[in-house]
Amino acid sequence: MANKYFRDVLTPAANTESVLYTVPAANAATVASLRVTNRNASSATLNVKLYPAGGATGYSLLKSYVLPTNATMDVFSGVPLNMEETDELKVESSVTTVDFVISYLEMDRN
């Protein structure tokens, strides 16, 4: 069983729900942080959802949150999120200049 630390980044298209991270099969993950930065000259509305096992039903972790101009925040505020194999984390922003940076630990269950 190996533990691996990763980080991924995504700047999604405006008003498009996009997959930020999917837990690989036979793995679990603990998301330590999800930093979001708005580089736009106006505020951005954000949504973050967890889709268990990649299913069709998403559960809101952050809903219609307004991030001010040139601001940064952590979605989880220091409280980790545990994810199971094939769970998906999807993000959405109302503008194209919002960067999402995720830091996580992946644990191989084999």
PDB file of N, CA and C in Angstrom:
ATOM      1  N   MET A   1       0.847  -1.166   0.000  1.00  0.00           N
ATOM      2  CA  MET A   1       0.000   0.000   0.000  1.00  0.00           C
ATOM      3  C   MET A   1       0.898   1.236   0.000  1.00  0.00           C
ATOM      4  N   ALA A   2       0.805   2.038  -1.046  1.00  0.00           N
ATOM      5  CA  ALA A   2       1.646   3.231  -1.158  1.00  0.00           C
ATOM      6  C   ALA A   2       0.806   4.494  -0.994  1.00  0.00           C
ATOM      7  N   ASN A   3       1.397   5.487  -0.321  1.00  0.00           N
ATOM      8  CA  ASN A   3       0.783   6.800  -0.190  1.00  0.00           C
ATOM      9  C   ASN A   3       1.551   7.763  -1.071  1.00  0.00           C
ATOM     10  N   LYS A   4       0.807   8.557  -1.870  1.00  0.00           N
ATOM     11  CA  LYS A   4       1.442   9.511  -2.775  1.00  0.00           C
ATOM     12  C   LYS A   4       0.753  10.856  -2.642  1.00  0.00           C
ATOM     13  N   TYR A   5       1.565  11.914  -2.561  1.00  0.00           N
ATOM     14  CA  TYR A   5       1.045  13.271  -2.482  1.00  0.00           C
ATOM     15  C   TYR A   5       1.032  13.895  -3.878  1.00  0.00           C
ATOM     16  N   PHE A   6      -0.038  14.617  -4.205  1.00  0.00           N
ATOM     17  CA  PHE A   6      -0.183  15.245  -5.511  1.00  0.00           C
ATOM     18  C   PHE A   6      -0.782  16.634  -5.368  1.00  0.00           C
ATOM     19  N   ARG A   7      -0.705  17.387  -6.459  1.00  0.00           N
ATOM     20  CA  ARG A   7      -1.467  18.623  -6.619  1.00  0.00           C
ATOM     21  C   ARG A   7      -1.834  18.716  -8.086  1.00  0.00           C
ATOM     22  N   ASP A   8      -3.006  19.231  -8.348  1.00  0.00           N
ATOM     23  CA  ASP A   8      -3.489  19.460  -9.708  1.00  0.00           C
ATOM     24  C   ASP A   8      -4.023  20.875  -9.783  1.00  0.00           C
ATOM     25  N   VAL A   9      -4.063  21.413 -10.994  1.00  0.00           N
ATOM     26  CA  VAL A   9      -4.584  22.760 -11.218  1.00  0.00           C
ATOM     27  C   VAL A   9      -5.587  22.730 -12.366  1.00  0.00           C
ATOM     28  N   LEU A  10      -6.525  23.658 -12.329  1.00  0.00           N
ATOM     29  CA  LEU A  10      -7.525  23.762 -13.391  1.00  0.00           C
ATOM     30  C   LEU A  10      -8.049  25.195 -13.434  1.00  0.00           C
ATOM     31  N   THR A  11      -8.162  25.733 -14.641  1.00  0.00           N
ATOM     32  CA  THR A  11      -8.833  27.001 -14.880  1.00  0.00           C
ATOM     33  C   THR A  11      -9.960  26.689 -15.866  1.00  0.00           C
ATOM     34  N   PRO A  12     -11.160  26.406 -15.356  1.00  0.00           N
ATOM     35  CA  PRO A  12     -12.248  25.957 -16.229  1.00  0.00           C
ATOM     36  C   PRO A  12     -12.864  27.080 -17.054  1.00  0.00           C
ATOM     37  N   ALA A  13     -13.546  26.685 -18.110  1.00  0.00           N
ATOM     38  CA  ALA A  13     -14.326  27.630 -18.903  1.00  0.00           C
ATOM     39  C   ALA A  13     -15.458  28.177 -18.035  1.00  0.00           C
ATOM     40  N   ALA A  14     -15.917  29.369 -18.354  1.00  0.00           N
ATOM     41  CA  ALA A  14     -16.986  29.999 -17.570  1.00  0.00           C
ATOM     42  C   ALA A  14     -18.270  29.185 -17.639  1.00  0.00           C
ATOM     43  N   ASN A  15     -18.933  29.088 -16.495  1.00  0.00           N
ATOM     44  CA  ASN A  15     -20.243  28.444 -16.388  1.00  0.00           C
ATOM     45  C   ASN A  15     -20.263  27.013 -16.912  1.00  0.00           C
ATOM     46  N   THR A  16     -19.148  26.308 -16.734  1.00  0.00           N
ATOM     47  CA  THR A  16     -19.039  24.926 -17.174  1.00  0.00           C
ATOM     48  C   THR A  16     -18.551  24.082 -16.006  1.00  0.00           C
ATOM     49  N   GLU A  17     -19.368  23.139 -15.570  1.00  0.00           N
ATOM     50  CA  GLU A  17     -18.937  22.242 -14.504  1.00  0.00           C
ATOM     51  C   GLU A  17     -17.861  21.316 -15.067  1.00  0.00           C
ATOM     52  N   SER A  18     -16.693  21.313 -14.428  1.00  0.00           N
ATOM     53  CA  SER A  18     -15.544  20.562 -14.925  1.00  0.00           C
ATOM     54  C   SER A  18     -14.986  19.657 -13.841  1.00  0.00           C
ATOM     55  N   VAL A  19     -14.526  18.472 -14.246  1.00  0.00           N
ATOM     56  CA  VAL A  19     -13.919  17.533 -13.302  1.00  0.00           C
ATOM     57  C   VAL A  19     -12.529  18.031 -12.936  1.00  0.00           C
ATOM     58  N   LEU A  20     -12.312  18.251 -11.660  1.00  0.00           N
ATOM     59  CA  LEU A  20     -11.004  18.648 -11.155  1.00  0.00           C
ATOM     60  C   LEU A  20     -10.189  17.419 -10.771  1.00  0.00           C
ATOM     61  N   TYR A  21     -10.860  16.419 -10.168  1.00  0.00           N
ATOM     62  CA  TYR A  21     -10.145  15.227  -9.711  1.00  0.00           C
ATOM     63  C   TYR A  21     -11.089  14.040  -9.636  1.00  0.00           C
ATOM     64  N   THR A  22     -10.583  12.873 -10.034  1.00  0.00           N
ATOM     65  CA  THR A  22     -11.290  11.601  -9.893  1.00  0.00           C
ATOM     66  C   THR A  22     -10.358  10.638  -9.173  1.00  0.00           C
ATOM     67  N   VAL A  23     -10.838  10.015  -8.120  1.00  0.00           N
ATOM     68  CA  VAL A  23     -10.026   9.048  -7.387  1.00  0.00           C
ATOM     69  C   VAL A  23      -9.895   7.785  -8.245  1.00  0.00           C
ATOM     70  N   PRO A  24      -8.665   7.342  -8.495  1.00  0.00           N
ATOM     71  CA  PRO A  24      -8.471   6.133  -9.303  1.00  0.00           C
ATOM     72  C   PRO A  24      -9.062   4.888  -8.625  1.00  0.00           C
ATOM     73  N   ALA A  25      -9.356   3.870  -9.430  1.00  0.00           N
ATOM     74  CA  ALA A  25      -9.843   2.602  -8.900  1.00  0.00           C
ATOM     75  C   ALA A  25      -8.817   2.033  -7.927  1.00  0.00           C
ATOM     76  N   ALA A  26      -9.299   1.331  -6.918  1.00  0.00           N
ATOM     77  CA  ALA A  26      -8.468   0.695  -5.892  1.00  0.00           C
ATOM     78  C   ALA A  26      -7.662   1.712  -5.076  1.00  0.00           C
ATOM     79  N   ASN A  27      -8.153   2.939  -4.992  1.00  0.00           N
ATOM     80  CA  ASN A  27      -7.502   3.983  -4.208  1.00  0.00           C
ATOM     81  C   ASN A  27      -8.533   4.714  -3.363  1.00  0.00           C
ATOM     82  N   ALA A  28      -8.029   5.424  -2.379  1.00  0.00           N
ATOM     83  CA  ALA A  28      -8.810   6.392  -1.611  1.00  0.00           C
ATOM     84  C   ALA A  28      -7.974   7.665  -1.610  1.00  0.00           C
ATOM     85  N   ALA A  29      -8.583   8.782  -1.275  1.00  0.00           N
ATOM     86  CA  ALA A  29      -7.840  10.045  -1.272  1.00  0.00           C
ATOM     87  C   ALA A  29      -8.331  10.929  -0.136  1.00  0.00           C
ATOM     88  N   THR A  30      -7.412  11.729   0.365  1.00  0.00           N
ATOM     89  CA  THR A  30      -7.749  12.771   1.332  1.00  0.00           C
ATOM     90  C   THR A  30      -7.320  14.094   0.725  1.00  0.00           C
ATOM     91  N   VAL A  31      -8.295  14.957   0.487  1.00  0.00           N
ATOM     92  CA  VAL A  31      -8.015  16.289  -0.068  1.00  0.00           C
ATOM     93  C   VAL A  31      -7.677  17.205   1.098  1.00  0.00           C
ATOM     94  N   ALA A  32      -6.461  17.715   1.071  1.00  0.00           N
ATOM     95  CA  ALA A  32      -5.995  18.592   2.146  1.00  0.00           C
ATOM     96  C   ALA A  32      -6.457  20.022   1.936  1.00  0.00           C
ATOM     97  N   SER A  33      -6.476  20.450   0.657  1.00  0.00           N
ATOM     98  CA  SER A  33      -6.839  21.828   0.390  1.00  0.00           C
ATOM     99  C   SER A  33      -7.317  21.995  -1.041  1.00  0.00           C
ATOM    100  N   LEU A  34      -8.225  22.933  -1.212  1.00  0.00           N
ATOM    101  CA  LEU A  34      -8.686  23.347  -2.543  1.00  0.00           C
ATOM    102  C   LEU A  34      -8.665  24.866  -2.558  1.00  0.00           C
ATOM    103  N   ARG A  35      -7.553  25.423  -3.038  1.00  0.00           N
ATOM    104  CA  ARG A  35      -7.358  26.884  -3.099  1.00  0.00           C
ATOM    105  C   ARG A  35      -7.983  27.395  -4.396  1.00  0.00           C
ATOM    106  N   VAL A  36      -8.681  28.520  -4.283  1.00  0.00           N
ATOM    107  CA  VAL A  36      -9.333  29.141  -5.427  1.00  0.00           C
ATOM    108  C   VAL A  36      -8.923  30.611  -5.467  1.00  0.00           C
ATOM    109  N   THR A  37      -8.453  31.053  -6.640  1.00  0.00           N
ATOM    110  CA  THR A  37      -8.043  32.450  -6.812  1.00  0.00           C
ATOM    111  C   THR A  37      -8.803  33.058  -7.978  1.00  0.00           C
ATOM    112  N   ASN A  38      -9.392  34.222  -7.729  1.00  0.00           N
ATOM    113  CA  ASN A  38     -10.105  34.968  -8.757  1.00  0.00           C
ATOM    114  C   ASN A  38      -9.179  36.057  -9.302  1.00  0.00           C
ATOM    115  N   ARG A  39      -8.724  35.888 -10.552  1.00  0.00           N
ATOM    116  CA  ARG A  39      -7.843  36.876 -11.179  1.00  0.00           C
ATOM    117  C   ARG A  39      -8.634  37.885 -12.015  1.00  0.00           C
ATOM    118  N   ASN A  40      -9.936  37.852 -11.943  1.00  0.00           N
ATOM    119  CA  ASN A  40     -10.798  38.692 -12.759  1.00  0.00           C
ATOM    120  C   ASN A  40     -10.978  40.073 -12.131  1.00  0.00           C
ATOM    121  N   ALA A  41     -11.376  41.038 -12.967  1.00  0.00           N
ATOM    122  CA  ALA A  41     -11.638  42.405 -12.503  1.00  0.00           C
ATOM    123  C   ALA A  41     -13.014  42.537 -11.862  1.00  0.00           C
ATOM    124  N   SER A  42     -13.764  41.438 -11.837  1.00  0.00           N
ATOM    125  CA  SER A  42     -15.064  41.447 -11.165  1.00  0.00           C
ATOM    126  C   SER A  42     -15.177  40.178 -10.319  1.00  0.00           C
ATOM    127  N   SER A  43     -16.192  40.119  -9.472  1.00  0.00           N
ATOM    128  CA  SER A  43     -16.363  38.958  -8.601  1.00  0.00           C
ATOM    129  C   SER A  43     -16.741  37.721  -9.420  1.00  0.00           C
ATOM    130  N   ALA A  44     -16.542  36.554  -8.829  1.00  0.00           N
ATOM    131  CA  ALA A  44     -16.857  35.283  -9.474  1.00  0.00           C
ATOM    132  C   ALA A  44     -17.760  34.472  -8.561  1.00  0.00           C
ATOM    133  N   THR A  45     -18.710  33.776  -9.140  1.00  0.00           N
ATOM    134  CA  THR A  45     -19.571  32.883  -8.382  1.00  0.00           C
ATOM    135  C   THR A  45     -19.068  31.459  -8.577  1.00  0.00           C
ATOM    136  N   LEU A  46     -18.864  30.745  -7.461  1.00  0.00           N
ATOM    137  CA  LEU A  46     -18.247  29.425  -7.496  1.00  0.00           C
ATOM    138  C   LEU A  46     -19.182  28.340  -6.994  1.00  0.00           C
ATOM    139  N   ASN A  47     -19.002  27.142  -7.554  1.00  0.00           N
ATOM    140  CA  ASN A  47     -19.679  25.941  -7.082  1.00  0.00           C
ATOM    141  C   ASN A  47     -18.668  24.805  -7.069  1.00  0.00           C
ATOM    142  N   VAL A  48     -18.725  23.985  -6.026  1.00  0.00           N
ATOM    143  CA  VAL A  48     -17.883  22.794  -5.924  1.00  0.00           C
ATOM    144  C   VAL A  48     -18.795  21.658  -5.467  1.00  0.00           C
ATOM    145  N   LYS A  49     -18.736  20.519  -6.188  1.00  0.00           N
ATOM    146  CA  LYS A  49     -19.587  19.381  -5.856  1.00  0.00           C
ATOM    147  C   LYS A  49     -18.784  18.090  -5.805  1.00  0.00           C
ATOM    148  N   LEU A  50     -19.244  17.197  -4.935  1.00  0.00           N
ATOM    149  CA  LEU A  50     -18.707  15.850  -4.830  1.00  0.00           C
ATOM    150  C   LEU A  50     -19.709  14.897  -5.465  1.00  0.00           C
ATOM    151  N   TYR A  51     -19.224  14.072  -6.388  1.00  0.00           N
ATOM    152  CA  TYR A  51     -20.045  13.049  -7.033  1.00  0.00           C
ATOM    153  C   TYR A  51     -19.537  11.685  -6.571  1.00  0.00           C
ATOM    154  N   PRO A  52     -20.218  11.043  -5.602  1.00  0.00           N
ATOM    155  CA  PRO A  52     -19.773   9.735  -5.134  1.00  0.00           C
ATOM    156  C   PRO A  52     -19.794   8.698  -6.259  1.00  0.00           C
ATOM    157  N   ALA A  53     -18.712   7.952  -6.354  1.00  0.00           N
ATOM    158  CA  ALA A  53     -18.556   6.884  -7.351  1.00  0.00           C
ATOM    159  C   ALA A  53     -18.848   7.380  -8.766  1.00  0.00           C
ATOM    160  N   GLY A  54     -18.580   8.651  -9.035  1.00  0.00           N
ATOM    161  CA  GLY A  54     -18.786   9.206 -10.367  1.00  0.00           C
ATOM    162  C   GLY A  54     -20.245   9.224 -10.793  1.00  0.00           C
ATOM    163  N   GLY A  55     -21.143   9.148  -9.835  1.00  0.00           N
ATOM    164  CA  GLY A  55     -22.578   9.081 -10.125  1.00  0.00           C
ATOM    165  C   GLY A  55     -23.150  10.373 -10.689  1.00  0.00           C
ATOM    166  N   ALA A  56     -24.435  10.336 -10.948  1.00  0.00           N
ATOM    167  CA  ALA A  56     -25.122  11.464 -11.563  1.00  0.00           C
ATOM    168  C   ALA A  56     -25.548  12.523 -10.548  1.00  0.00           C
ATOM    169  N   THR A  57     -25.576  12.176  -9.268  1.00  0.00           N
ATOM    170  CA  THR A  57     -26.015  13.114  -8.238  1.00  0.00           C
ATOM    171  C   THR A  57     -24.807  13.751  -7.568  1.00  0.00           C
ATOM    172  N   GLY A  58     -24.749  15.084  -7.648  1.00  0.00           N
ATOM    173  CA  GLY A  58     -23.671  15.828  -7.013  1.00  0.00           C
ATOM    174  C   GLY A  58     -24.132  16.422  -5.695  1.00  0.00           C
ATOM    175  N   TYR A  59     -23.218  16.459  -4.726  1.00  0.00           N
ATOM    176  CA  TYR A  59     -23.494  17.021  -3.412  1.00  0.00           C
ATOM    177  C   TYR A  59     -22.645  18.274  -3.235  1.00  0.00           C
ATOM    178  N   SER A  60     -23.299  19.382  -2.957  1.00  0.00           N
ATOM    179  CA  SER A  60     -22.622  20.675  -2.885  1.00  0.00           C
ATOM    180  C   SER A  60     -21.705  20.780  -1.677  1.00  0.00           C
ATOM    181  N   LEU A  61     -20.466  21.145  -1.944  1.00  0.00           N
ATOM    182  CA  LEU A  61     -19.502  21.464  -0.895  1.00  0.00           C
ATOM    183  C   LEU A  61     -19.345  22.980  -0.781  1.00  0.00           C
ATOM    184  N   LEU A  62     -19.637  23.660  -1.889  1.00  0.00           N
ATOM    185  CA  LEU A  62     -19.627  25.122  -1.950  1.00  0.00           C
ATOM    186  C   LEU A  62     -20.668  25.498  -2.994  1.00  0.00           C
ATOM    187  N   LYS A  63     -21.639  26.332  -2.626  1.00  0.00           N
ATOM    188  CA  LYS A  63     -22.731  26.640  -3.555  1.00  0.00           C
ATOM    189  C   LYS A  63     -22.940  28.142  -3.667  1.00  0.00           C
ATOM    190  N   SER A  64     -22.856  28.618  -4.907  1.00  0.00           N
ATOM    191  CA  SER A  64     -23.112  30.028  -5.223  1.00  0.00           C
ATOM    192  C   SER A  64     -22.296  30.970  -4.345  1.00  0.00           C
ATOM    193  N   TYR A  65     -21.055  30.615  -4.077  1.00  0.00           N
ATOM    194  CA  TYR A  65     -20.163  31.439  -3.260  1.00  0.00           C
ATOM    195  C   TYR A  65     -19.579  32.541  -4.130  1.00  0.00           C
ATOM    196  N   VAL A  66     -19.675  33.774  -3.682  1.00  0.00           N
ATOM    197  CA  VAL A  66     -19.153  34.921  -4.434  1.00  0.00           C
ATOM    198  C   VAL A  66     -17.743  35.233  -3.924  1.00  0.00           C
ATOM    199  N   LEU A  67     -16.769  35.061  -4.821  1.00  0.00           N
ATOM    200  CA  LEU A  67     -15.373  35.354  -4.504  1.00  0.00           C
ATOM    201  C   LEU A  67     -15.034  36.720  -5.087  1.00  0.00           C
ATOM    202  N   PRO A  68     -14.627  37.668  -4.255  1.00  0.00           N
ATOM    203  CA  PRO A  68     -14.342  39.023  -4.737  1.00  0.00           C
ATOM    204  C   PRO A  68     -13.162  39.078  -5.713  1.00  0.00           C
ATOM    205  N   THR A  69     -13.008  40.214  -6.344  1.00  0.00           N
ATOM    206  CA  THR A  69     -11.904  40.489  -7.258  1.00  0.00           C
ATOM    207  C   THR A  69     -10.565  40.257  -6.572  1.00  0.00           C
ATOM    208  N   ASN A  70      -9.657  39.589  -7.279  1.00  0.00           N
ATOM    209  CA  ASN A  70      -8.285  39.357  -6.805  1.00  0.00           C
ATOM    210  C   ASN A  70      -8.216  38.722  -5.420  1.00  0.00           C
ATOM    211  N   ALA A  71      -9.167  37.869  -5.098  1.00  0.00           N
ATOM    212  CA  ALA A  71      -9.192  37.207  -3.794  1.00  0.00           C
ATOM    213  C   ALA A  71      -8.849  35.729  -3.938  1.00  0.00           C
ATOM    214  N   THR A  72      -8.381  35.161  -2.820  1.00  0.00           N
ATOM    215  CA  THR A  72      -8.073  33.732  -2.753  1.00  0.00           C
ATOM    216  C   THR A  72      -8.739  33.160  -1.509  1.00  0.00           C
ATOM    217  N   MET A  73      -9.235  31.922  -1.617  1.00  0.00           N
ATOM    218  CA  MET A  73      -9.837  31.256  -0.462  1.00  0.00           C
ATOM    219  C   MET A  73      -9.573  29.759  -0.557  1.00  0.00           C
ATOM    220  N   ASP A  74      -9.725  29.066   0.577  1.00  0.00           N
ATOM    221  CA  ASP A  74      -9.623  27.613   0.613  1.00  0.00           C
ATOM    222  C   ASP A  74     -11.015  27.063   0.877  1.00  0.00           C
ATOM    223  N   VAL A  75     -11.497  26.260  -0.048  1.00  0.00           N
ATOM    224  CA  VAL A  75     -12.854  25.730   0.044  1.00  0.00           C
ATOM    225  C   VAL A  75     -13.050  24.929   1.330  1.00  0.00           C
ATOM    226  N   PHE A  76     -12.052  24.169   1.745  1.00  0.00           N
ATOM    227  CA  PHE A  76     -12.203  23.284   2.891  1.00  0.00           C
ATOM    228  C   PHE A  76     -11.755  23.910   4.211  1.00  0.00           C
ATOM    229  N   SER A  77     -11.185  25.095   4.180  1.00  0.00           N
ATOM    230  CA  SER A  77     -10.784  25.832   5.386  1.00  0.00           C
ATOM    231  C   SER A  77     -10.024  24.971   6.385  1.00  0.00           C
ATOM    232  N   GLY A  78      -9.137  24.124   5.893  1.00  0.00           N
ATOM    233  CA  GLY A  78      -8.307  23.313   6.769  1.00  0.00           C
ATOM    234  C   GLY A  78      -8.932  22.012   7.236  1.00  0.00           C
ATOM    235  N   VAL A  79     -10.169  21.724   6.819  1.00  0.00           N
ATOM    236  CA  VAL A  79     -10.824  20.476   7.180  1.00  0.00           C
ATOM    237  C   VAL A  79     -10.739  19.542   5.973  1.00  0.00           C
ATOM    238  N   PRO A  80     -10.000  18.422   6.074  1.00  0.00           N
ATOM    239  CA  PRO A  80      -9.807  17.558   4.908  1.00  0.00           C
ATOM    240  C   PRO A  80     -11.093  16.872   4.459  1.00  0.00           C
ATOM    241  N   LEU A  81     -11.116  16.505   3.189  1.00  0.00           N
ATOM    242  CA  LEU A  81     -12.234  15.778   2.596  1.00  0.00           C
ATOM    243  C   LEU A  81     -11.747  14.389   2.221  1.00  0.00           C
ATOM    244  N   ASN A  82     -12.389  13.350   2.748  1.00  0.00           N
ATOM    245  CA  ASN A  82     -12.048  11.978   2.388  1.00  0.00           C
ATOM    246  C   ASN A  82     -12.888  11.552   1.196  1.00  0.00           C
ATOM    247  N   MET A  83     -12.216  10.948   0.216  1.00  0.00           N
ATOM    248  CA  MET A  83     -12.892  10.492  -0.992  1.00  0.00           C
ATOM    249  C   MET A  83     -12.580   9.015  -1.221  1.00  0.00           C
ATOM    250  N   GLU A  84     -13.543   8.304  -1.792  1.00  0.00           N
ATOM    251  CA  GLU A  84     -13.400   6.879  -2.093  1.00  0.00           C
ATOM    252  C   GLU A  84     -13.136   6.680  -3.585  1.00  0.00           C
ATOM    253  N   GLU A  85     -12.787   5.450  -3.964  1.00  0.00           N
ATOM    254  CA  GLU A  85     -12.467   5.184  -5.363  1.00  0.00           C
ATOM    255  C   GLU A  85     -13.599   5.596  -6.299  1.00  0.00           C
ATOM    256  N   THR A  86     -13.234   6.191  -7.399  1.00  0.00           N
ATOM    257  CA  THR A  86     -14.070   6.723  -8.488  1.00  0.00           C
ATOM    258  C   THR A  86     -14.936   7.926  -8.093  1.00  0.00           C
ATOM    259  N   ASP A  87     -14.817   8.436  -6.865  1.00  0.00           N
ATOM    260  CA  ASP A  87     -15.495   9.693  -6.523  1.00  0.00           C
ATOM    261  C   ASP A  87     -14.914  10.799  -7.397  1.00  0.00           C
ATOM    262  N   GLU A  88     -15.754  11.762  -7.768  1.00  0.00           N
ATOM    263  CA  GLU A  88     -15.300  12.901  -8.576  1.00  0.00           C
ATOM    264  C   GLU A  88     -15.544  14.210  -7.836  1.00  0.00           C
ATOM    265  N   LEU A  89     -14.615  15.131  -7.998  1.00  0.00           N
ATOM    266  CA  LEU A  89     -14.750  16.486  -7.477  1.00  0.00           C
ATOM    267  C   LEU A  89     -14.863  17.402  -8.685  1.00  0.00           C
ATOM    268  N   LYS A  90     -15.991  18.118  -8.794  1.00  0.00           N
ATOM    269  CA  LYS A  90     -16.226  19.000  -9.935  1.00  0.00           C
ATOM    270  C   LYS A  90     -16.340  20.436  -9.459  1.00  0.00           C
ATOM    271  N   VAL A  91     -15.843  21.354 -10.299  1.00  0.00           N
ATOM    272  CA  VAL A  91     -15.844  22.779  -9.968  1.00  0.00           C
ATOM    273  C   VAL A  91     -16.484  23.575 -11.096  1.00  0.00           C
ATOM    274  N   GLU A  92     -16.962  24.765 -10.731  1.00  0.00           N
ATOM    275  CA  GLU A  92     -17.577  25.662 -11.717  1.00  0.00           C
ATOM    276  C   GLU A  92     -17.356  27.099 -11.271  1.00  0.00           C
ATOM    277  N   SER A  93     -17.112  27.972 -12.234  1.00  0.00           N
ATOM    278  CA  SER A  93     -16.926  29.393 -11.976  1.00  0.00           C
ATOM    279  C   SER A  93     -17.709  30.189 -13.015  1.00  0.00           C
ATOM    280  N   SER A  94     -18.172  31.349 -12.620  1.00  0.00           N
ATOM    281  CA  SER A  94     -18.927  32.199 -13.546  1.00  0.00           C
ATOM    282  C   SER A  94     -18.026  32.957 -14.517  1.00  0.00           C
ATOM    283  N   VAL A  95     -16.708  32.956 -14.257  1.00  0.00           N
ATOM    284  CA  VAL A  95     -15.750  33.650 -15.136  1.00  0.00           C
ATOM    285  C   VAL A  95     -14.590  32.713 -15.483  1.00  0.00           C
ATOM    286  N   THR A  96     -13.849  33.043 -16.533  1.00  0.00           N
ATOM    287  CA  THR A  96     -12.783  32.163 -17.015  1.00  0.00           C
ATOM    288  C   THR A  96     -11.428  32.394 -16.357  1.00  0.00           C
ATOM    289  N   THR A  97     -11.352  33.305 -15.443  1.00  0.00           N
ATOM    290  CA  THR A  97     -10.052  33.637 -14.835  1.00  0.00           C
ATOM    291  C   THR A  97      -9.979  33.222 -13.366  1.00  0.00           C
ATOM    292  N   VAL A  98     -10.567  32.090 -13.057  1.00  0.00           N
ATOM    293  CA  VAL A  98     -10.502  31.552 -11.702  1.00  0.00           C
ATOM    294  C   VAL A  98      -9.670  30.277 -11.737  1.00  0.00           C
ATOM    295  N   ASP A  99      -8.641  30.231 -10.882  1.00  0.00           N
ATOM    296  CA  ASP A  99      -7.749  29.078 -10.812  1.00  0.00           C
ATOM    297  C   ASP A  99      -8.101  28.228  -9.596  1.00  0.00           C
ATOM    298  N   PHE A 100      -8.222  26.925  -9.818  1.00  0.00           N
ATOM    299  CA  PHE A 100      -8.458  25.961  -8.746  1.00  0.00           C
ATOM    300  C   PHE A 100      -7.180  25.134  -8.587  1.00  0.00           C
ATOM    301  N   VAL A 101      -6.672  25.036  -7.353  1.00  0.00           N
ATOM    302  CA  VAL A 101      -5.468  24.253  -7.058  1.00  0.00           C
ATOM    303  C   VAL A 101      -5.811  23.290  -5.924  1.00  0.00           C
ATOM    304  N   ILE A 102      -5.727  21.997  -6.218  1.00  0.00           N
ATOM    305  CA  ILE A 102      -6.068  20.970  -5.237  1.00  0.00           C
ATOM    306  C   ILE A 102      -4.802  20.251  -4.783  1.00  0.00           C
ATOM    307  N   SER A 103      -4.710  20.005  -3.475  1.00  0.00           N
ATOM    308  CA  SER A 103      -3.607  19.234  -2.891  1.00  0.00           C
ATOM    309  C   SER A 103      -4.223  18.035  -2.190  1.00  0.00           C
ATOM    310  N   TYR A 104      -3.696  16.838  -2.489  1.00  0.00           N
ATOM    311  CA  TYR A 104      -4.319  15.635  -1.937  1.00  0.00           C
ATOM    312  C   TYR A 104      -3.324  14.506  -1.736  1.00  0.00           C
ATOM    313  N   LEU A 105      -3.715  13.576  -0.883  1.00  0.00           N
ATOM    314  CA  LEU A 105      -2.968  12.361  -0.620  1.00  0.00           C
ATOM    315  C   LEU A 105      -3.761  11.209  -1.193  1.00  0.00           C
ATOM    316  N   GLU A 106      -3.128  10.415  -2.047  1.00  0.00           N
ATOM    317  CA  GLU A 106      -3.765   9.245  -2.639  1.00  0.00           C
ATOM    318  C   GLU A 106      -3.203   8.008  -1.959  1.00  0.00           C
ATOM    319  N   MET A 107      -4.098   7.090  -1.560  1.00  0.00           N
ATOM    320  CA  MET A 107      -3.691   5.869  -0.865  1.00  0.00           C
ATOM    321  C   MET A 107      -4.104   4.657  -1.690  1.00  0.00           C
ATOM    322  N   ASP A 108      -3.119   3.887  -2.091  1.00  0.00           N
ATOM    323  CA  ASP A 108      -3.341   2.674  -2.885  1.00  0.00           C
ATOM    324  C   ASP A 108      -3.866   1.583  -1.953  1.00  0.00           C
ATOM    325  N   ARG A 109      -4.995   1.005  -2.307  1.00  0.00           N
ATOM    326  CA  ARG A 109      -5.597  -0.025  -1.457  1.00  0.00           C
ATOM    327  C   ARG A 109      -5.139  -1.431  -1.816  1.00  0.00           C
ATOM    328  N   ASN A 110      -4.274  -1.573  -2.793  1.00  0.00           N
ATOM    329  CA  ASN A 110      -3.777  -2.917  -3.172  1.00  0.00           C
ATOM    330  C   ASN A 110      -2.686  -3.369  -2.240  1.00  0.00           C
TER     331      ASN A 110
END
